[in-house]
């Protein structure tokens, strides 16, 4: 694999089994926001799940975006460090932004509410790969670090470097 400029995304799924204060706050506040926003796409009150609302009214897809606003301050408080997003030495891999998605939600069952945060890095230089490991450096820096490819980790953008 040749050199490239990439950005990584690390997916953090949060559901009713949340254990940390951050996860509990995200779960509770996104569910509350979902309950406040959902009636706009469910005028008759018969639809209870996000999937049903989107099937009936495609504009309900905007609930992902709208509900995500409820947690901006929690994510900002992480200061670019997400639990579990580490290099092979255990050092945190910093993220610059995040994406939010409601995986499942039901207005009648809070315990089924499941969301995902995808923490997205800034630009990284992909120096090389070794099996399931990526050798990376921060753009413009010579020091390198390694990340093991694992479930929930994805290359979000890829731009080959042509020499």
N, C-alpha and C. Protein backbone atom coordinates (compact mmCIF):
# COMPACT_ATOMS: atom_id res chain seq x y z
N UNK A 1 0.86 -1.18 0.00
CA UNK A 1 0.00 0.00 0.00
C UNK A 1 0.90 1.23 0.00
N UNK A 2 0.63 2.17 -0.90
CA UNK A 2 1.43 3.37 -1.00
C UNK A 2 1.03 4.40 0.04
N UNK A 3 1.85 5.43 0.12
CA UNK A 3 1.55 6.52 1.04
C UNK A 3 0.26 7.22 0.64
N UNK A 4 -0.44 7.72 1.66
CA UNK A 4 -1.70 8.42 1.41
C UNK A 4 -2.00 9.32 2.59
N UNK A 5 -2.84 10.29 2.35
CA UNK A 5 -3.39 11.12 3.42
C UNK A 5 -4.76 10.55 3.73
N UNK A 6 -4.98 10.21 5.00
CA UNK A 6 -6.23 9.58 5.40
C UNK A 6 -6.82 10.27 6.63
N UNK A 7 -8.04 9.97 6.90
CA UNK A 7 -8.68 10.30 8.18
C UNK A 7 -9.34 9.01 8.66
N UNK A 8 -9.24 8.77 9.96
CA UNK A 8 -9.83 7.58 10.55
C UNK A 8 -11.10 7.93 11.30
N UNK A 9 -12.00 6.98 11.35
CA UNK A 9 -13.21 7.11 12.15
C UNK A 9 -13.27 5.94 13.12
N UNK A 10 -13.59 6.23 14.37
CA UNK A 10 -13.70 5.20 15.40
C UNK A 10 -15.11 5.24 15.96
N UNK A 11 -15.84 4.14 15.86
CA UNK A 11 -17.26 4.09 16.23
C UNK A 11 -17.43 3.64 17.68
N UNK A 12 -18.17 4.45 18.43
CA UNK A 12 -18.48 4.17 19.84
C UNK A 12 -20.00 4.02 19.94
N UNK A 13 -20.44 2.80 20.23
CA UNK A 13 -21.88 2.53 20.34
C UNK A 13 -22.30 2.68 21.79
N UNK A 14 -23.40 3.39 22.00
CA UNK A 14 -23.92 3.65 23.35
C UNK A 14 -25.36 3.20 23.40
N UNK A 15 -25.66 2.38 24.41
CA UNK A 15 -27.03 1.90 24.59
C UNK A 15 -27.39 1.91 26.07
N UNK A 16 -28.44 1.22 26.42
CA UNK A 16 -28.94 1.24 27.79
C UNK A 16 -27.99 0.60 28.79
N UNK A 17 -26.98 -0.11 28.31
CA UNK A 17 -26.01 -0.73 29.22
C UNK A 17 -24.86 0.22 29.55
N UNK A 18 -24.99 1.48 29.21
CA UNK A 18 -23.94 2.48 29.45
C UNK A 18 -23.45 2.42 30.90
N UNK A 19 -22.13 2.53 31.06
CA UNK A 19 -21.56 2.45 32.40
C UNK A 19 -20.88 3.74 32.85
N UNK A 20 -20.29 4.48 31.92
CA UNK A 20 -19.60 5.71 32.31
C UNK A 20 -20.59 6.87 32.38
N UNK A 21 -20.20 7.91 33.10
CA UNK A 21 -21.06 9.10 33.19
C UNK A 21 -21.29 9.69 31.80
N UNK A 22 -20.24 9.74 30.98
CA UNK A 22 -20.37 10.27 29.61
C UNK A 22 -21.41 9.47 28.83
N UNK A 23 -21.30 8.15 28.84
CA UNK A 23 -22.23 7.31 28.09
C UNK A 23 -23.66 7.45 28.61
N UNK A 24 -23.82 7.50 29.91
CA UNK A 24 -25.16 7.66 30.49
C UNK A 24 -25.77 8.99 30.09
N UNK A 25 -24.95 10.06 30.15
CA UNK A 25 -25.44 11.39 29.75
C UNK A 25 -25.85 11.40 28.28
N UNK A 26 -25.01 10.81 27.43
CA UNK A 26 -25.31 10.76 26.00
C UNK A 26 -26.59 9.96 25.76
N UNK A 27 -26.71 8.83 26.41
CA UNK A 27 -27.90 7.98 26.24
C UNK A 27 -29.16 8.73 26.68
N UNK A 28 -29.12 9.30 27.87
CA UNK A 28 -30.30 9.97 28.42
C UNK A 28 -30.68 11.22 27.62
N UNK A 29 -29.70 12.05 27.31
CA UNK A 29 -30.00 13.31 26.62
C UNK A 29 -30.42 13.10 25.17
N UNK A 30 -29.83 12.12 24.49
CA UNK A 30 -30.25 11.88 23.10
C UNK A 30 -31.64 11.25 23.06
N UNK A 31 -31.96 10.44 24.05
CA UNK A 31 -33.32 9.87 24.08
C UNK A 31 -34.34 10.97 24.36
N UNK A 32 -34.03 11.83 25.31
CA UNK A 32 -34.95 12.95 25.62
C UNK A 32 -35.15 13.84 24.40
N UNK A 33 -34.05 14.12 23.69
CA UNK A 33 -34.15 14.96 22.49
C UNK A 33 -34.94 14.25 21.39
N UNK A 34 -34.73 12.95 21.26
CA UNK A 34 -35.50 12.17 20.29
C UNK A 34 -37.00 12.28 20.59
N UNK A 35 -37.36 12.15 21.87
CA UNK A 35 -38.77 12.25 22.25
C UNK A 35 -39.35 13.63 21.94
N UNK A 36 -38.53 14.68 22.07
CA UNK A 36 -39.00 16.04 21.76
C UNK A 36 -39.13 16.28 20.26
N UNK A 37 -38.22 15.72 19.47
CA UNK A 37 -38.19 15.97 18.02
C UNK A 37 -39.12 15.04 17.24
N UNK A 38 -39.33 13.83 17.72
CA UNK A 38 -40.07 12.81 16.96
C UNK A 38 -41.49 13.21 16.58
N UNK A 39 -42.25 13.91 17.43
CA UNK A 39 -43.64 14.23 17.06
C UNK A 39 -43.78 15.01 15.75
N UNK A 40 -42.75 15.71 15.32
CA UNK A 40 -42.81 16.44 14.04
C UNK A 40 -42.99 15.49 12.86
N UNK A 41 -42.53 14.25 13.03
CA UNK A 41 -42.57 13.28 11.95
C UNK A 41 -43.56 12.15 12.24
N UNK A 42 -44.40 12.38 13.22
CA UNK A 42 -45.34 11.36 13.66
C UNK A 42 -46.63 12.05 14.12
N UNK A 43 -47.26 12.75 13.20
CA UNK A 43 -48.42 13.58 13.52
C UNK A 43 -49.56 12.80 14.18
N UNK A 44 -49.77 11.57 13.76
CA UNK A 44 -50.90 10.81 14.30
C UNK A 44 -50.53 10.01 15.56
N UNK A 45 -49.24 9.99 15.92
CA UNK A 45 -48.80 9.31 17.13
C UNK A 45 -48.77 7.80 17.04
N UNK A 46 -48.96 7.25 15.86
CA UNK A 46 -49.01 5.79 15.72
C UNK A 46 -47.64 5.16 15.49
N UNK A 47 -46.67 5.94 15.05
CA UNK A 47 -45.33 5.41 14.77
C UNK A 47 -44.48 5.55 16.03
N UNK A 48 -43.82 4.49 16.43
CA UNK A 48 -43.01 4.57 17.65
C UNK A 48 -41.52 4.48 17.39
N UNK A 49 -41.10 3.85 16.29
CA UNK A 49 -39.66 3.70 16.05
C UNK A 49 -39.16 4.70 15.02
N UNK A 50 -37.87 4.99 15.11
CA UNK A 50 -37.24 5.87 14.13
C UNK A 50 -37.37 5.28 12.73
N UNK A 51 -37.14 3.99 12.60
CA UNK A 51 -37.23 3.35 11.28
C UNK A 51 -38.61 3.52 10.67
N UNK A 52 -39.66 3.36 11.48
CA UNK A 52 -41.03 3.53 10.97
C UNK A 52 -41.28 4.97 10.55
N UNK A 53 -40.75 5.92 11.32
CA UNK A 53 -40.93 7.33 10.98
C UNK A 53 -40.25 7.67 9.67
N UNK A 54 -39.04 7.14 9.46
CA UNK A 54 -38.31 7.40 8.22
C UNK A 54 -39.02 6.75 7.04
N UNK A 55 -39.54 5.54 7.24
CA UNK A 55 -40.27 4.86 6.16
C UNK A 55 -41.51 5.65 5.75
N UNK A 56 -42.18 6.24 6.71
CA UNK A 56 -43.41 7.01 6.45
C UNK A 56 -43.09 8.41 5.94
N UNK A 57 -42.08 9.02 6.51
CA UNK A 57 -41.72 10.40 6.16
C UNK A 57 -40.19 10.49 6.07
N UNK A 58 -39.63 10.41 4.85
CA UNK A 58 -38.17 10.40 4.70
C UNK A 58 -37.45 11.59 5.36
N UNK A 59 -38.15 12.71 5.53
CA UNK A 59 -37.52 13.86 6.20
C UNK A 59 -37.18 13.56 7.65
N UNK A 60 -37.74 12.49 8.21
CA UNK A 60 -37.42 12.09 9.59
C UNK A 60 -35.97 11.66 9.71
N UNK A 61 -35.33 11.41 8.58
CA UNK A 61 -33.89 11.09 8.59
C UNK A 61 -33.08 12.22 9.23
N UNK A 62 -33.62 13.42 9.22
CA UNK A 62 -32.93 14.56 9.83
C UNK A 62 -32.86 14.44 11.35
N UNK A 63 -33.57 13.49 11.94
CA UNK A 63 -33.51 13.29 13.39
C UNK A 63 -32.10 12.95 13.85
N UNK A 64 -31.33 12.26 13.03
CA UNK A 64 -29.94 11.96 13.40
C UNK A 64 -29.21 13.27 13.69
N UNK A 65 -29.31 14.18 12.75
CA UNK A 65 -28.64 15.47 12.85
C UNK A 65 -29.19 16.30 14.01
N UNK A 66 -30.50 16.40 14.09
CA UNK A 66 -31.13 17.24 15.12
C UNK A 66 -30.86 16.72 16.53
N UNK A 67 -30.96 15.43 16.73
CA UNK A 67 -30.74 14.85 18.06
C UNK A 67 -29.27 14.97 18.46
N UNK A 68 -28.38 14.93 17.48
CA UNK A 68 -26.94 15.05 17.76
C UNK A 68 -26.55 16.34 18.44
N UNK A 69 -27.32 17.40 18.24
CA UNK A 69 -27.00 18.67 18.88
C UNK A 69 -27.06 18.58 20.41
N UNK A 70 -27.82 17.63 20.93
CA UNK A 70 -28.00 17.50 22.37
C UNK A 70 -26.71 17.11 23.10
N UNK A 71 -25.73 16.60 22.36
CA UNK A 71 -24.53 16.10 23.04
C UNK A 71 -23.26 16.83 22.68
N UNK A 72 -23.36 17.91 21.96
CA UNK A 72 -22.17 18.66 21.54
C UNK A 72 -21.26 19.04 22.69
N UNK A 73 -21.81 19.49 23.80
CA UNK A 73 -20.98 19.91 24.93
C UNK A 73 -20.31 18.71 25.61
N UNK A 74 -20.99 17.58 25.64
CA UNK A 74 -20.36 16.38 26.22
C UNK A 74 -19.15 15.96 25.40
N UNK A 75 -19.29 15.96 24.08
CA UNK A 75 -18.19 15.57 23.21
C UNK A 75 -17.06 16.59 23.29
N UNK A 76 -17.41 17.86 23.36
CA UNK A 76 -16.38 18.90 23.48
C UNK A 76 -15.56 18.70 24.76
N UNK A 77 -16.22 18.28 25.83
CA UNK A 77 -15.54 18.06 27.11
C UNK A 77 -14.53 16.91 27.05
N UNK A 78 -14.61 16.06 26.04
CA UNK A 78 -13.64 14.97 25.89
C UNK A 78 -12.27 15.50 25.46
N UNK A 79 -12.23 16.75 24.99
CA UNK A 79 -10.98 17.38 24.55
C UNK A 79 -10.23 16.55 23.51
N UNK A 80 -10.98 15.96 22.59
CA UNK A 80 -10.36 15.24 21.48
C UNK A 80 -9.88 13.85 21.82
N UNK A 81 -10.23 13.33 22.99
CA UNK A 81 -9.79 11.99 23.39
C UNK A 81 -11.00 11.11 23.69
N UNK A 82 -11.14 10.04 22.93
CA UNK A 82 -12.26 9.11 23.10
C UNK A 82 -11.77 7.82 23.75
N UNK A 83 -12.51 7.36 24.72
CA UNK A 83 -12.19 6.10 25.40
C UNK A 83 -12.09 4.96 24.39
N UNK A 84 -10.99 4.23 24.44
CA UNK A 84 -10.81 3.08 23.58
C UNK A 84 -10.17 3.35 22.24
N UNK A 85 -9.97 4.62 21.90
CA UNK A 85 -9.38 4.98 20.61
C UNK A 85 -7.90 5.25 20.84
N UNK A 86 -7.10 4.16 20.83
CA UNK A 86 -5.68 4.24 21.19
C UNK A 86 -4.80 3.62 20.12
N UNK A 87 -3.52 4.02 20.14
CA UNK A 87 -2.55 3.36 19.27
C UNK A 87 -2.10 2.07 19.95
N UNK A 88 -1.16 1.35 19.34
CA UNK A 88 -0.74 0.06 19.88
C UNK A 88 0.03 0.18 21.20
N UNK A 89 0.51 1.36 21.53
CA UNK A 89 1.19 1.57 22.81
C UNK A 89 0.23 2.04 23.90
N UNK A 90 -1.04 2.20 23.53
CA UNK A 90 -2.02 2.64 24.51
C UNK A 90 -2.20 4.14 24.60
N UNK A 91 -1.53 4.89 23.74
CA UNK A 91 -1.68 6.35 23.73
C UNK A 91 -2.95 6.71 22.96
N UNK A 92 -3.68 7.71 23.45
CA UNK A 92 -4.91 8.09 22.74
C UNK A 92 -4.63 8.67 21.36
N UNK A 93 -5.49 8.33 20.42
CA UNK A 93 -5.47 8.93 19.08
C UNK A 93 -6.50 10.06 19.13
N UNK A 94 -6.05 11.26 18.90
CA UNK A 94 -6.94 12.41 19.03
C UNK A 94 -7.91 12.49 17.85
N UNK A 95 -9.12 12.94 18.15
CA UNK A 95 -10.10 13.17 17.10
C UNK A 95 -10.39 14.67 17.02
N UNK A 96 -10.83 15.11 15.84
CA UNK A 96 -11.14 16.52 15.61
C UNK A 96 -12.63 16.81 15.59
N UNK A 97 -13.40 15.86 15.12
CA UNK A 97 -14.84 16.06 14.99
C UNK A 97 -15.54 14.73 15.23
N UNK A 98 -16.85 14.77 15.21
CA UNK A 98 -17.60 13.53 15.39
C UNK A 98 -18.84 13.53 14.52
N UNK A 99 -19.33 12.34 14.25
CA UNK A 99 -20.58 12.15 13.54
C UNK A 99 -21.51 11.43 14.51
N UNK A 100 -22.80 11.70 14.41
CA UNK A 100 -23.77 11.09 15.30
C UNK A 100 -24.81 10.35 14.49
N UNK A 101 -25.22 9.18 14.99
CA UNK A 101 -26.24 8.39 14.31
C UNK A 101 -27.11 7.70 15.36
N UNK A 102 -28.40 7.72 15.13
CA UNK A 102 -29.31 6.93 15.95
C UNK A 102 -29.40 5.56 15.27
N UNK A 103 -28.97 4.53 15.96
CA UNK A 103 -29.03 3.18 15.40
C UNK A 103 -30.46 2.64 15.52
N UNK A 104 -31.05 2.83 16.69
CA UNK A 104 -32.44 2.42 16.91
C UNK A 104 -33.01 3.25 18.04
N UNK A 105 -34.27 3.62 17.90
CA UNK A 105 -34.95 4.28 19.00
C UNK A 105 -36.44 4.03 18.88
N UNK A 106 -37.09 4.01 20.03
CA UNK A 106 -38.52 3.74 20.12
C UNK A 106 -39.10 4.67 21.19
N UNK A 107 -40.12 5.41 20.84
CA UNK A 107 -40.70 6.38 21.78
C UNK A 107 -41.34 5.71 22.99
N UNK A 108 -41.55 4.40 22.92
CA UNK A 108 -42.20 3.69 24.04
C UNK A 108 -41.23 2.82 24.84
N UNK A 109 -39.94 2.82 24.46
CA UNK A 109 -39.01 1.91 25.11
C UNK A 109 -37.61 2.51 25.15
N UNK A 110 -37.28 3.21 26.22
CA UNK A 110 -35.97 3.85 26.35
C UNK A 110 -34.83 2.84 26.30
N UNK A 111 -35.06 1.64 26.81
CA UNK A 111 -33.97 0.66 26.85
C UNK A 111 -33.54 0.19 25.45
N UNK A 112 -34.37 0.43 24.44
CA UNK A 112 -33.98 0.05 23.08
C UNK A 112 -33.20 1.16 22.36
N UNK A 113 -33.11 2.33 22.97
CA UNK A 113 -32.43 3.48 22.35
C UNK A 113 -30.93 3.18 22.25
N UNK A 114 -30.43 3.19 21.02
CA UNK A 114 -29.01 2.91 20.77
C UNK A 114 -28.49 3.94 19.78
N UNK A 115 -27.36 4.55 20.11
CA UNK A 115 -26.77 5.56 19.24
C UNK A 115 -25.30 5.23 19.00
N UNK A 116 -24.74 5.88 18.00
CA UNK A 116 -23.31 5.73 17.72
C UNK A 116 -22.68 7.09 17.53
N UNK A 117 -21.51 7.24 18.10
CA UNK A 117 -20.66 8.40 17.85
C UNK A 117 -19.48 7.89 17.03
N UNK A 118 -19.17 8.55 15.94
CA UNK A 118 -17.99 8.22 15.17
C UNK A 118 -17.02 9.38 15.34
N UNK A 119 -15.92 9.09 16.04
CA UNK A 119 -14.89 10.10 16.27
C UNK A 119 -13.97 10.12 15.06
N UNK A 120 -13.77 11.29 14.45
CA UNK A 120 -13.02 11.41 13.21
C UNK A 120 -11.73 12.20 13.46
N UNK A 121 -10.61 11.59 13.06
CA UNK A 121 -9.31 12.24 13.23
C UNK A 121 -9.14 13.36 12.21
N UNK A 122 -8.11 14.14 12.44
CA UNK A 122 -7.66 15.07 11.42
C UNK A 122 -6.89 14.29 10.37
N UNK A 123 -6.24 14.98 9.47
CA UNK A 123 -5.48 14.31 8.42
C UNK A 123 -4.26 13.61 9.00
N UNK A 124 -4.09 12.36 8.57
CA UNK A 124 -2.95 11.55 8.97
C UNK A 124 -2.26 11.05 7.71
N UNK A 125 -0.95 10.85 7.81
CA UNK A 125 -0.23 10.26 6.69
C UNK A 125 -0.14 8.76 6.92
N UNK A 126 -0.66 7.99 5.99
CA UNK A 126 -0.52 6.54 6.03
C UNK A 126 0.83 6.23 5.40
N UNK A 127 1.78 5.83 6.25
CA UNK A 127 3.15 5.58 5.78
C UNK A 127 3.25 4.19 5.16
N UNK A 128 2.63 3.20 5.84
CA UNK A 128 2.68 1.83 5.35
C UNK A 128 1.68 1.00 6.14
N UNK A 129 1.52 -0.26 5.74
CA UNK A 129 0.67 -1.17 6.50
C UNK A 129 1.40 -2.50 6.63
N UNK A 130 1.17 -3.16 7.76
CA UNK A 130 1.80 -4.44 8.06
C UNK A 130 0.70 -5.36 8.58
N UNK A 131 0.15 -6.18 7.70
CA UNK A 131 -0.95 -7.04 8.11
C UNK A 131 -2.11 -6.20 8.58
N UNK A 132 -2.50 -6.37 9.85
CA UNK A 132 -3.63 -5.63 10.40
C UNK A 132 -3.23 -4.33 11.08
N UNK A 133 -2.00 -3.89 10.84
CA UNK A 133 -1.51 -2.66 11.47
C UNK A 133 -1.25 -1.57 10.44
N UNK A 134 -1.62 -0.36 10.81
CA UNK A 134 -1.34 0.81 9.97
C UNK A 134 -0.24 1.63 10.64
N UNK A 135 0.79 1.99 9.88
CA UNK A 135 1.84 2.88 10.36
C UNK A 135 1.48 4.28 9.90
N UNK A 136 1.27 5.17 10.86
CA UNK A 136 0.76 6.51 10.58
C UNK A 136 1.67 7.59 11.16
N UNK A 137 1.50 8.78 10.65
CA UNK A 137 2.10 9.96 11.28
C UNK A 137 1.11 11.10 11.15
N UNK A 138 1.20 12.02 12.09
CA UNK A 138 0.37 13.21 11.96
C UNK A 138 0.90 13.99 10.78
N UNK A 139 0.01 14.58 10.03
CA UNK A 139 0.42 15.28 8.82
C UNK A 139 1.50 16.30 9.13
N UNK A 140 2.61 16.22 8.38
CA UNK A 140 3.70 17.17 8.54
C UNK A 140 4.70 16.79 9.63
N UNK A 141 4.49 15.67 10.33
CA UNK A 141 5.41 15.24 11.38
C UNK A 141 6.14 13.98 10.95
N UNK A 142 7.35 13.78 11.51
CA UNK A 142 8.12 12.59 11.17
C UNK A 142 7.87 11.43 12.13
N UNK A 143 7.50 11.71 13.37
CA UNK A 143 7.24 10.64 14.34
C UNK A 143 6.05 9.81 13.86
N UNK A 144 6.15 8.51 14.05
CA UNK A 144 5.10 7.62 13.61
C UNK A 144 4.46 6.91 14.81
N UNK A 145 3.30 6.32 14.55
CA UNK A 145 2.62 5.49 15.53
C UNK A 145 1.82 4.44 14.78
N UNK A 146 1.45 3.38 15.49
CA UNK A 146 0.72 2.29 14.84
C UNK A 146 -0.66 2.12 15.46
N UNK A 147 -1.59 1.74 14.59
CA UNK A 147 -2.95 1.40 15.03
C UNK A 147 -3.29 0.05 14.42
N UNK A 148 -3.90 -0.79 15.25
CA UNK A 148 -4.37 -2.08 14.75
C UNK A 148 -5.76 -1.89 14.17
N UNK A 149 -5.98 -2.40 12.98
CA UNK A 149 -7.31 -2.35 12.38
C UNK A 149 -8.19 -3.27 13.21
N UNK A 150 -9.33 -2.77 13.63
CA UNK A 150 -10.23 -3.51 14.51
C UNK A 150 -11.67 -3.14 14.18
N UNK A 151 -12.58 -3.88 14.74
CA UNK A 151 -13.99 -3.57 14.52
C UNK A 151 -14.27 -2.17 15.05
N UNK A 152 -15.02 -1.40 14.28
CA UNK A 152 -15.37 -0.05 14.68
C UNK A 152 -14.37 1.01 14.21
N UNK A 153 -13.28 0.59 13.57
CA UNK A 153 -12.29 1.53 13.05
C UNK A 153 -12.35 1.49 11.53
N UNK A 154 -12.39 2.66 10.92
CA UNK A 154 -12.50 2.72 9.47
C UNK A 154 -11.70 3.89 8.91
N UNK A 155 -11.21 3.72 7.70
CA UNK A 155 -10.61 4.85 6.99
C UNK A 155 -11.76 5.61 6.36
N UNK A 156 -11.95 6.85 6.81
CA UNK A 156 -13.08 7.67 6.38
C UNK A 156 -12.77 8.40 5.06
N UNK A 157 -11.50 8.83 4.92
CA UNK A 157 -11.12 9.45 3.65
C UNK A 157 -9.71 8.96 3.28
N UNK A 158 -9.46 8.93 2.00
CA UNK A 158 -8.21 8.37 1.48
C UNK A 158 -7.82 9.17 0.25
N UNK A 159 -6.61 9.72 0.28
CA UNK A 159 -6.10 10.48 -0.87
C UNK A 159 -4.65 10.03 -1.12
N UNK A 160 -4.43 9.28 -2.20
CA UNK A 160 -3.07 8.80 -2.47
C UNK A 160 -2.08 9.95 -2.63
N UNK A 161 -0.86 9.72 -2.17
CA UNK A 161 0.21 10.68 -2.38
C UNK A 161 0.99 10.21 -3.60
N UNK A 162 1.03 11.05 -4.60
CA UNK A 162 1.79 10.70 -5.80
C UNK A 162 3.11 11.45 -5.75
N UNK A 163 4.19 10.69 -5.94
CA UNK A 163 5.52 11.29 -5.83
C UNK A 163 6.04 11.72 -7.17
